[in-house]
PDB file of N, CA and C in Angstrom:
ATOM      1  N   MET A   1     100.344  54.892  95.895  1.00  0.00           N
ATOM      2  CA  MET A   1     100.019  54.587  97.153  1.00  0.00           C
ATOM      3  C   MET A   1     101.301  54.887  97.769  1.00  0.00           C
ATOM      4  N   ALA A   2     101.264  55.593  98.964  1.00  0.00           N
ATOM      5  CA  ALA A   2     102.802  55.646  99.755  1.00  0.00           C
ATOM      6  C   ALA A   2     102.991  54.482 100.615  1.00  0.00           C
ATOM      7  N   ASN A   3     104.526  54.283 100.665  1.00  0.00           N
ATOM      8  CA  ASN A   3     104.504  52.920 101.098  1.00  0.00           C
ATOM      9  C   ASN A   3     105.344  53.282 102.327  1.00  0.00           C
ATOM     10  N   THR A   4     105.725  53.937 102.333  1.00  0.00           N
ATOM     11  CA  THR A   4     106.662  54.508 103.943  1.00  0.00           C
ATOM     12  C   THR A   4     105.801  56.013 104.868  1.00  0.00           C
ATOM     13  N   LYS A   5     106.238  55.688 105.752  1.00  0.00           N
ATOM     14  CA  LYS A   5     105.616  57.051 106.838  1.00  0.00           C
ATOM     15  C   LYS A   5     106.106  58.163 106.171  1.00  0.00           C
ATOM     16  N   SER A   6     107.374  58.510 105.438  1.00  0.00           N
ATOM     17  CA  SER A   6     107.724  59.737 105.580  1.00  0.00           C
ATOM     18  C   SER A   6     106.580  59.898 103.837  1.00  0.00           C
ATOM     19  N   ALA A   7     106.378  59.019 103.012  1.00  0.00           N
ATOM     20  CA  ALA A   7     105.690  59.302 102.264  1.00  0.00           C
ATOM     21  C   ALA A   7     104.417  59.494 102.290  1.00  0.00           C
ATOM     22  N   GLU A   8     103.589  59.068 103.440  1.00  0.00           N
ATOM     23  CA  GLU A   8     102.208  58.955 103.655  1.00  0.00           C
ATOM     24  C   GLU A   8     102.335  60.464 104.518  1.00  0.00           C
ATOM     25  N   LYS A   9     103.611  61.392 104.787  1.00  0.00           N
ATOM     26  CA  LYS A   9     102.991  62.227 105.504  1.00  0.00           C
ATOM     27  C   LYS A   9     103.431  63.563 104.991  1.00  0.00           C
ATOM     28  N   ARG A  10     104.080  63.292 103.747  1.00  0.00           N
ATOM     29  CA  ARG A  10     104.142  63.991 102.193  1.00  0.00           C
ATOM     30  C   ARG A  10     102.723  64.116 101.815  1.00  0.00           C
ATOM     31  N   ASN A  11     102.336  63.229 101.470  1.00  0.00           N
ATOM     32  CA  ASN A  11     100.807  63.054 100.862  1.00  0.00           C
ATOM     33  C   ASN A  11     100.165  63.740 101.524  1.00  0.00           C
ATOM     34  N   ARG A  12      99.706  63.326 103.044  1.00  0.00           N
ATOM     35  CA  ARG A  12      99.331  64.345 103.890  1.00  0.00           C
ATOM     36  C   ARG A  12      99.553  65.729 103.777  1.00  0.00           C
ATOM     37  N   GLN A  13     100.638  66.153 103.600  1.00  0.00           N
ATOM     38  CA  GLN A  13     100.763  67.677 103.445  1.00  0.00           C
ATOM     39  C   GLN A  13     100.679  68.183 102.303  1.00  0.00           C
ATOM     40  N   SER A  14     100.787  67.655 101.141  1.00  0.00           N
ATOM     41  CA  SER A  14     100.494  67.873  99.750  1.00  0.00           C
ATOM     42  C   SER A  14      98.957  68.599 100.173  1.00  0.00           C
ATOM     43  N   VAL A  15      98.516  67.360 100.889  1.00  0.00           N
ATOM     44  CA  VAL A  15      96.399  67.685 100.483  1.00  0.00           C
ATOM     45  C   VAL A  15      96.372  68.875 101.183  1.00  0.00           C
ATOM     46  N   GLU A  16      96.747  68.764 102.260  1.00  0.00           N
ATOM     47  CA  GLU A  16      96.556  69.911 102.760  1.00  0.00           C
ATOM     48  C   GLU A  16      96.867  71.271 102.359  1.00  0.00           C
ATOM     49  N   ARG A  17      98.393  71.578 101.637  1.00  0.00           N
ATOM     50  CA  ARG A  17      98.616  72.657 100.894  1.00  0.00           C
ATOM     51  C   ARG A  17      97.810  72.854  99.280  1.00  0.00           C
ATOM     52  N   ASN A  18      97.427  71.617  98.803  1.00  0.00           N
ATOM     53  CA  ASN A  18      96.754  71.921  97.848  1.00  0.00           C
ATOM     54  C   ASN A  18      95.077  72.661  98.360  1.00  0.00           C
ATOM     55  N   THR A  19      94.914  72.338  99.482  1.00  0.00           N
ATOM     56  CA  THR A  19      93.714  72.465  99.885  1.00  0.00           C
ATOM     57  C   THR A  19      93.596  74.034 100.571  1.00  0.00           C
ATOM     58  N   ARG A  20      94.568  74.718 101.021  1.00  0.00           N
ATOM     59  CA  ARG A  20      95.056  76.189 101.375  1.00  0.00           C
ATOM     60  C   ARG A  20      95.517  76.717 100.079  1.00  0.00           C
ATOM     61  N   ASN A  21      95.854  76.062  98.655  1.00  0.00           N
ATOM     62  CA  ASN A  21      96.419  77.379  97.926  1.00  0.00           C
ATOM     63  C   ASN A  21      95.010  77.178  96.997  1.00  0.00           C
ATOM     64  N   ARG A  22      94.218  76.175  97.297  1.00  0.00           N
ATOM     65  CA  ARG A  22      92.899  76.406  96.206  1.00  0.00           C
ATOM     66  C   ARG A  22      91.912  77.445  96.999  1.00  0.00           C
ATOM     67  N   ALA A  23      91.869  77.583  97.994  1.00  0.00           N
ATOM     68  CA  ALA A  23      91.069  78.288  98.570  1.00  0.00           C
ATOM     69  C   ALA A  23      91.685  79.881  98.268  1.00  0.00           C
ATOM     70  N   ASN A  24      92.965  79.959  98.983  1.00  0.00           N
ATOM     71  CA  ASN A  24      93.322  81.462  98.332  1.00  0.00           C
ATOM     72  C   ASN A  24      93.462  81.646  96.840  1.00  0.00           C
ATOM     73  N   ARG A  25      93.633  80.779  96.107  1.00  0.00           N
ATOM     74  CA  ARG A  25      93.332  80.935  94.692  1.00  0.00           C
ATOM     75  C   ARG A  25      91.848  81.623  94.282  1.00  0.00           C
ATOM     76  N   SER A  26      90.757  80.752  95.030  1.00  0.00           N
ATOM     77  CA  SER A  26      89.648  81.424  94.599  1.00  0.00           C
ATOM     78  C   SER A  26      89.427  82.595  95.514  1.00  0.00           C
ATOM     79  N   ARG A  27      89.689  82.963  96.407  1.00  0.00           N
ATOM     80  CA  ARG A  27      89.707  84.451  97.099  1.00  0.00           C
ATOM     81  C   ARG A  27      90.440  85.344  96.286  1.00  0.00           C
ATOM     82  N   LEU A  28      91.890  84.922  95.546  1.00  0.00           N
ATOM     83  CA  LEU A  28      91.979  85.735  94.757  1.00  0.00           C
ATOM     84  C   LEU A  28      91.118  86.432  93.607  1.00  0.00           C
ATOM     85  N   LYS A  29      90.643  85.308  93.145  1.00  0.00           N
ATOM     86  CA  LYS A  29      89.877  84.985  91.842  1.00  0.00           C
ATOM     87  C   LYS A  29      88.702  86.067  92.157  1.00  0.00           C
ATOM     88  N   THR A  30      87.922  85.833  93.000  1.00  0.00           N
ATOM     89  CA  THR A  30      86.996  86.743  93.238  1.00  0.00           C
ATOM     90  C   THR A  30      86.878  87.927  93.690  1.00  0.00           C
ATOM     91  N   ALA A  31      87.976  88.777  94.563  1.00  0.00           N
ATOM     92  CA  ALA A  31      88.428  89.988  94.558  1.00  0.00           C
ATOM     93  C   ALA A  31      88.845  90.651  92.828  1.00  0.00           C
ATOM     94  N   VAL A  32      89.359  90.210  92.190  1.00  0.00           N
ATOM     95  CA  VAL A  32      89.532  90.561  91.052  1.00  0.00           C
ATOM     96  C   VAL A  32      88.849  90.495  90.044  1.00  0.00           C
ATOM     97  N   LYS A  33      87.787  89.725  90.251  1.00  0.00           N
ATOM     98  CA  LYS A  33      86.267  89.612  89.158  1.00  0.00           C
ATOM     99  C   LYS A  33      85.330  91.008  89.700  1.00  0.00           C
ATOM    100  N   LYS A  34      85.398  90.727  91.171  1.00  0.00           N
ATOM    101  CA  LYS A  34      84.738  91.810  91.596  1.00  0.00           C
ATOM    102  C   LYS A  34      84.855  93.215  91.406  1.00  0.00           C
ATOM    103  N   LEU A  35      86.602  93.571  91.372  1.00  0.00           N
ATOM    104  CA  LEU A  35      86.971  94.534  90.709  1.00  0.00           C
ATOM    105  C   LEU A  35      86.655  94.895  89.089  1.00  0.00           C
ATOM    106  N   ARG A  36      86.631  94.173  88.431  1.00  0.00           N
ATOM    107  CA  ARG A  36      86.967  94.116  86.765  1.00  0.00           C
ATOM    108  C   ARG A  36      85.518  94.223  86.119  1.00  0.00           C
ATOM    109  N   THR A  37      84.410  94.151  87.625  1.00  0.00           N
ATOM    110  CA  THR A  37      82.833  94.150  87.248  1.00  0.00           C
ATOM    111  C   THR A  37      82.743  95.415  87.117  1.00  0.00           C
ATOM    112  N   ALA A  38      83.185  96.076  88.749  1.00  0.00           N
ATOM    113  CA  ALA A  38      82.996  97.293  88.776  1.00  0.00           C
ATOM    114  C   ALA A  38      83.463  98.431  87.464  1.00  0.00           C
ATOM    115  N   VAL A  39      85.007  97.545  87.068  1.00  0.00           N
ATOM    116  CA  VAL A  39      85.581  98.998  86.287  1.00  0.00           C
ATOM    117  C   VAL A  39      84.409  98.606  84.760  1.00  0.00           C
ATOM    118  N   ALA A  40      84.095  97.352  84.713  1.00  0.00           N
ATOM    119  CA  ALA A  40      83.328  97.407  83.333  1.00  0.00           C
ATOM    120  C   ALA A  40      81.920  97.975  83.208  1.00  0.00           C
ATOM    121  N   SER A  41      81.192  98.426  84.790  1.00  0.00           N
ATOM    122  CA  SER A  41      79.805  98.884  84.732  1.00  0.00           C
ATOM    123  C   SER A  41      80.206 100.366  84.683  1.00  0.00           C
ATOM    124  N   GLY A  42      81.577 100.800  84.988  1.00  0.00           N
ATOM    125  CA  GLY A  42      82.068 102.097  84.512  1.00  0.00           C
ATOM    126  C   GLY A  42      81.788 102.918  85.896  1.00  0.00           C
ATOM    127  N   ASP A  43      81.519 102.039  87.103  1.00  0.00           N
ATOM    128  CA  ASP A  43      81.715 102.636  88.581  1.00  0.00           C
ATOM    129  C   ASP A  43      82.830 102.972  89.063  1.00  0.00           C
ATOM    130  N   ALA A  44      82.922 103.970  88.967  1.00  0.00           N
ATOM    131  CA  ALA A  44      84.303 104.718  89.293  1.00  0.00           C
ATOM    132  C   ALA A  44      84.302 104.641  91.019  1.00  0.00           C
ATOM    133  N   ALA A  45      83.465 105.051  91.538  1.00  0.00           N
ATOM    134  CA  ALA A  45      83.597 105.249  93.018  1.00  0.00           C
ATOM    135  C   ALA A  45      83.445 103.799  93.585  1.00  0.00           C
ATOM    136  N   LEU A  46      83.158 102.580  93.175  1.00  0.00           N
ATOM    137  CA  LEU A  46      82.627 101.520  93.937  1.00  0.00           C
ATOM    138  C   LEU A  46      84.308 100.479  93.354  1.00  0.00           C
ATOM    139  N   ALA A  47      85.132 101.331  92.268  1.00  0.00           N
ATOM    140  CA  ALA A  47      86.205 100.706  91.601  1.00  0.00           C
ATOM    141  C   ALA A  47      87.193 101.078  92.501  1.00  0.00           C
ATOM    142  N   LYS A  48      87.191 102.517  93.229  1.00  0.00           N
ATOM    143  CA  LYS A  48      88.158 103.168  93.728  1.00  0.00           C
ATOM    144  C   LYS A  48      88.109 102.205  95.047  1.00  0.00           C
ATOM    145  N   GLU A  49      86.940 102.367  95.489  1.00  0.00           N
ATOM    146  CA  GLU A  49      86.663 101.397  97.149  1.00  0.00           C
ATOM    147  C   GLU A  49      87.030 100.139  97.197  1.00  0.00           C
ATOM    148  N   LEU A  50      87.052  99.500  96.092  1.00  0.00           N
ATOM    149  CA  LEU A  50      87.544  98.075  96.294  1.00  0.00           C
ATOM    150  C   LEU A  50      89.035  97.911  95.690  1.00  0.00           C
ATOM    151  N   LEU A  51      89.659  98.726  94.893  1.00  0.00           N
ATOM    152  CA  LEU A  51      91.038  98.623  94.569  1.00  0.00           C
ATOM    153  C   LEU A  51      92.155  98.228  95.882  1.00  0.00           C
ATOM    154  N   PRO A  52      92.010  99.224  96.798  1.00  0.00           N
ATOM    155  CA  PRO A  52      92.998  98.821  97.624  1.00  0.00           C
ATOM    156  C   PRO A  52      92.963  97.262  98.546  1.00  0.00           C
ATOM    157  N   GLY A  53      91.871  97.066  98.830  1.00  0.00           N
ATOM    158  CA  GLY A  53      91.525  95.558  98.995  1.00  0.00           C
ATOM    159  C   GLY A  53      92.026  94.387  98.145  1.00  0.00           C
ATOM    160  N   THR A  54      91.670  94.555  97.282  1.00  0.00           N
ATOM    161  CA  THR A  54      91.881  93.908  95.955  1.00  0.00           C
ATOM    162  C   THR A  54      93.561  93.989  95.772  1.00  0.00           C
ATOM    163  N   LEU A  55      94.191  95.141  95.894  1.00  0.00           N
ATOM    164  CA  LEU A  55      95.769  94.733  96.067  1.00  0.00           C
ATOM    165  C   LEU A  55      96.496  94.038  97.070  1.00  0.00           C
ATOM    166  N   SER A  56      95.807  94.264  98.257  1.00  0.00           N
ATOM    167  CA  SER A  56      96.098  93.689  99.080  1.00  0.00           C
ATOM    168  C   SER A  56      96.091  92.071  99.348  1.00  0.00           C
ATOM    169  N   VAL A  57      94.598  91.853  98.599  1.00  0.00           N
ATOM    170  CA  VAL A  57      94.292  90.450  98.534  1.00  0.00           C
ATOM    171  C   VAL A  57      95.520  89.624  98.093  1.00  0.00           C
ATOM    172  N   ILE A  58      95.890  90.228  96.369  1.00  0.00           N
ATOM    173  CA  ILE A  58      96.939  90.103  95.595  1.00  0.00           C
ATOM    174  C   ILE A  58      98.119  89.706  96.585  1.00  0.00           C
ATOM    175  N   ASP A  59      98.889  90.984  97.252  1.00  0.00           N
ATOM    176  CA  ASP A  59      99.813  90.778  98.016  1.00  0.00           C
ATOM    177  C   ASP A  59      99.795  89.618  98.622  1.00  0.00           C
ATOM    178  N   LYS A  60      99.305  89.593  99.527  1.00  0.00           N
ATOM    179  CA  LYS A  60      99.016  88.368 100.284  1.00  0.00           C
ATOM    180  C   LYS A  60      99.243  86.725  99.709  1.00  0.00           C
ATOM    181  N   ILE A  61      98.362  86.902  98.585  1.00  0.00           N
ATOM    182  CA  ILE A  61      98.973  85.422  98.014  1.00  0.00           C
ATOM    183  C   ILE A  61     100.392  85.454  97.190  1.00  0.00           C
ATOM    184  N   ALA A  62     100.395  86.252  96.538  1.00  0.00           N
ATOM    185  CA  ALA A  62     101.866  86.478  95.999  1.00  0.00           C
ATOM    186  C   ALA A  62     102.793  85.608  97.436  1.00  0.00           C
ATOM    187  N   GLN A  63     102.942  86.516  98.647  1.00  0.00           N
ATOM    188  CA  GLN A  63     103.558  86.229  99.328  1.00  0.00           C
ATOM    189  C   GLN A  63     103.410  85.097  99.825  1.00  0.00           C
ATOM    190  N   LYS A  64     102.307  84.264 100.202  1.00  0.00           N
ATOM    191  CA  LYS A  64     102.289  82.649 100.144  1.00  0.00           C
ATOM    192  C   LYS A  64     102.434  82.173  99.203  1.00  0.00           C
ATOM    193  N   GLY A  65     102.976  82.746  98.001  1.00  0.00           N
ATOM    194  CA  GLY A  65     103.833  81.693  96.755  1.00  0.00           C
ATOM    195  C   GLY A  65     102.350  81.145  95.875  1.00  0.00           C
ATOM    196  N   VAL A  66     101.373  81.185  96.012  1.00  0.00           N
ATOM    197  CA  VAL A  66     100.330  80.669  94.930  1.00  0.00           C
ATOM    198  C   VAL A  66     100.403  81.010  93.978  1.00  0.00           C
ATOM    199  N   ILE A  67     100.915  82.535  94.129  1.00  0.00           N
ATOM    200  CA  ILE A  67     100.868  83.124  92.488  1.00  0.00           C
ATOM    201  C   ILE A  67     102.670  83.571  92.113  1.00  0.00           C
ATOM    202  N   HIS A  68     103.233  83.554  91.274  1.00  0.00           N
ATOM    203  CA  HIS A  68     104.224  84.473  91.203  1.00  0.00           C
ATOM    204  C   HIS A  68     104.152  86.023  91.169  1.00  0.00           C
ATOM    205  N   ASP A  69     105.421  86.474  92.110  1.00  0.00           N
ATOM    206  CA  ASP A  69     105.556  87.870  92.330  1.00  0.00           C
ATOM    207  C   ASP A  69     105.526  88.326  90.995  1.00  0.00           C
ATOM    208  N   ASN A  70     106.024  88.339  89.954  1.00  0.00           N
ATOM    209  CA  ASN A  70     105.696  89.155  88.582  1.00  0.00           C
ATOM    210  C   ASN A  70     104.586  88.915  88.123  1.00  0.00           C
ATOM    211  N   ALA A  71     103.883  87.743  88.358  1.00  0.00           N
ATOM    212  CA  ALA A  71     102.341  87.966  88.021  1.00  0.00           C
ATOM    213  C   ALA A  71     101.516  88.506  88.770  1.00  0.00           C
ATOM    214  N   ALA A  72     101.748  88.892  90.130  1.00  0.00           N
ATOM    215  CA  ALA A  72     101.080  89.324  91.415  1.00  0.00           C
ATOM    216  C   ALA A  72     101.104  91.476  90.781  1.00  0.00           C
ATOM    217  N   ALA A  73     102.482  91.578  90.347  1.00  0.00           N
ATOM    218  CA  ALA A  73     102.692  92.906  89.967  1.00  0.00           C
ATOM    219  C   ALA A  73     102.398  93.065  89.174  1.00  0.00           C
ATOM    220  N   ARG A  74     101.848  92.235  87.710  1.00  0.00           N
ATOM    221  CA  ARG A  74     101.345  92.841  86.615  1.00  0.00           C
ATOM    222  C   ARG A  74      99.754  93.045  86.986  1.00  0.00           C
ATOM    223  N   THR A  75      99.515  91.935  87.433  1.00  0.00           N
ATOM    224  CA  THR A  75      97.977  92.260  87.693  1.00  0.00           C
ATOM    225  C   THR A  75      97.504  93.321  88.192  1.00  0.00           C
ATOM    226  N   LYS A  76      98.261  93.826  89.355  1.00  0.00           N
ATOM    227  CA  LYS A  76      97.975  95.088  90.243  1.00  0.00           C
ATOM    228  C   LYS A  76      98.380  95.706  89.247  1.00  0.00           C
ATOM    229  N   SER A  77      99.147  95.975  88.392  1.00  0.00           N
ATOM    230  CA  SER A  77      99.485  97.291  87.319  1.00  0.00           C
ATOM    231  C   SER A  77      98.288  97.188  86.400  1.00  0.00           C
ATOM    232  N   ARG A  78      97.728  96.162  85.878  1.00  0.00           N
ATOM    233  CA  ARG A  78      96.895  96.361  85.598  1.00  0.00           C
ATOM    234  C   ARG A  78      95.274  96.858  85.914  1.00  0.00           C
ATOM    235  N   LEU A  79      95.244  96.353  86.860  1.00  0.00           N
ATOM    236  CA  LEU A  79      94.006  96.552  87.687  1.00  0.00           C
ATOM    237  C   LEU A  79      94.027  97.877  87.799  1.00  0.00           C
ATOM    238  N   ALA A  80      95.119  99.029  88.444  1.00  0.00           N
ATOM    239  CA  ALA A  80      95.007  99.683  89.005  1.00  0.00           C
ATOM    240  C   ALA A  80      95.143 100.794  87.555  1.00  0.00           C
ATOM    241  N   SER A  81      95.635 100.749  86.687  1.00  0.00           N
ATOM    242  CA  SER A  81      95.424 101.716  85.202  1.00  0.00           C
ATOM    243  C   SER A  81      94.231 101.755  84.406  1.00  0.00           C
ATOM    244  N   GLN A  82      93.422 100.431  84.906  1.00  0.00           N
ATOM    245  CA  GLN A  82      92.123 100.328  84.449  1.00  0.00           C
ATOM    246  C   GLN A  82      90.946 101.230  85.389  1.00  0.00           C
ATOM    247  N   VAL A  83      91.558 101.228  86.689  1.00  0.00           N
ATOM    248  CA  VAL A  83      90.424 102.009  87.695  1.00  0.00           C
ATOM    249  C   VAL A  83      91.022 103.529  87.327  1.00  0.00           C
ATOM    250  N   ALA A  84      92.302 103.787  87.276  1.00  0.00           N
ATOM    251  CA  ALA A  84      93.058 105.146  87.082  1.00  0.00           C
ATOM    252  C   ALA A  84      91.865 105.590  85.274  1.00  0.00           C
ATOM    253  N   ALA A  85      91.734 104.948  84.526  1.00  0.00           N
ATOM    254  CA  ALA A  85      91.454 105.308  83.614  1.00  0.00           C
ATOM    255  C   ALA A  85      90.017 105.831  83.863  1.00  0.00           C
ATOM    256  N   LEU A  86      89.321 105.578  84.862  1.00  0.00           N
ATOM    257  CA  LEU A  86      87.835 105.399  85.329  1.00  0.00           C
ATOM    258  C   LEU A  86      87.635 106.999  84.893  1.00  0.00           C
TER     259      LEU A  86
END
């Protein structure tokens, strides 16, 4: 339990940040899952349509620091190559 005002504030900030990061991570997972589902089903048109939006979401999440820049680059690369292979 926080005993000082500064510790209470840090706790509030931590809770807010945690909530925001969880929402962003969920948004990321949903976008990637939709694209991977389209790739798995072999729907090239849908996959190509979803790819730019998904890459944009990945970039935004990495920019906010929710995931590491290299993790974002790796995910983008793998998704792009999967779509290109269709």
